[in-house]
């Protein structure tokens, strides 16, 4: 029997326009998808470079299965530490310019384990207000005092750091590219403050890995801050087209996480085909730089087109364009209207974003064509006349 509170909670979510359901897509994750039996333009994927369908990744996965099998069936501290894990970590460390790296099963799993391994009761975390849910949950699990500073507000961050006792262990954590707004953190200034007030600096490069910096190494590398950032976390399942996550930093950090990070210790390790595709994807960052150039061209073109139509896209300077709508129900209705026009752009609602800031999270891919962008803008133009939401 289902308890009454479950039905009541589901009804409440529906009334507030916050009810979520799975929408099945068919075929591969390319610039177009099959949704409800028809092909639609895909503006909702994190497959930014189009690598998820790259022949090199497909072949790498097949070869890994033939050689190593399908799974590891154990944690890395038991019998699940394979040659491919260590080969991938060497690739990541070389890309990021760090001493070493450690791979995790997902970005969420990494963040909820890393933070409690570094800080606990009696320590202080300083976290951006728009950090990802995995960072928020990692802070909660750590039991450290968590100070939330307004989004990218370095003056407030400094005030908060000043108030913390000098004897406390301190951790500053921020995304480098924010997943729902597409804006970049003022990382150079944040790192300055972390150094001045003797705080560890942790960054989440989930949406910057593969996109920014030399060879797609990320925002930290772009700004020349590698030696000054204590811990770089990122993912393998967005621009790199596969699955998993990593931490890049010092050898001592890696050893600590192997010994203290519960989300690393108590889980079956990533399977061989996933590891092999990540290695192949990193190789392609060096071999096919034109993918990043194509992505940036598409970003500029669609952003300029949306602004000409009167839509607000916030402060984004990246492949993530937040088309701000406001009310959750209106946002979801607009998303459905776009789907009728053949464009799949998912609406994002609370609790993922603050109330009153629901938006379409439009994402670009290197493999989108000029014709794709034209289709997208025509769909937005057709839909906008029914919704009074635009004010650049």
Foldseek 3Di string as FASTA:
>chain_A
DDDPVVVVVQVVCVVQLNHDDDFDWDDDPAQWIQGPRDIFGEQAALQALRLLPDPLLVVLLVVLCVVPNWFQPDACVPRRVDPLQQVLFVLLCVLQVAPTKHWAQALLLCQLQLLLLQAADQAEEEEEPQAFPSNVNSVVVNNYHYHYDYHLPLVRVLVVLVPDDLPHAYEYEEEQQRQQQQDGRPVVSVLVSCVVSVYAYEYEFASQQLADAVLSSGPCNNVVNSVSHAKYKYFCCGNLNAGIIMIGHHPVSVVSCCVRGCSNPPDGDDGRSRSSSSVSSSVVSVVPVVSNVLSLVLQVVLVVLCVVLQFDQHPRPHQKTWRWFFRSNVQQVLQVQLVVLRHHFDWDAPPSPDHRGITGTGGHHSPDDPVSSVSSSVSCNVSVVVGPGGHD
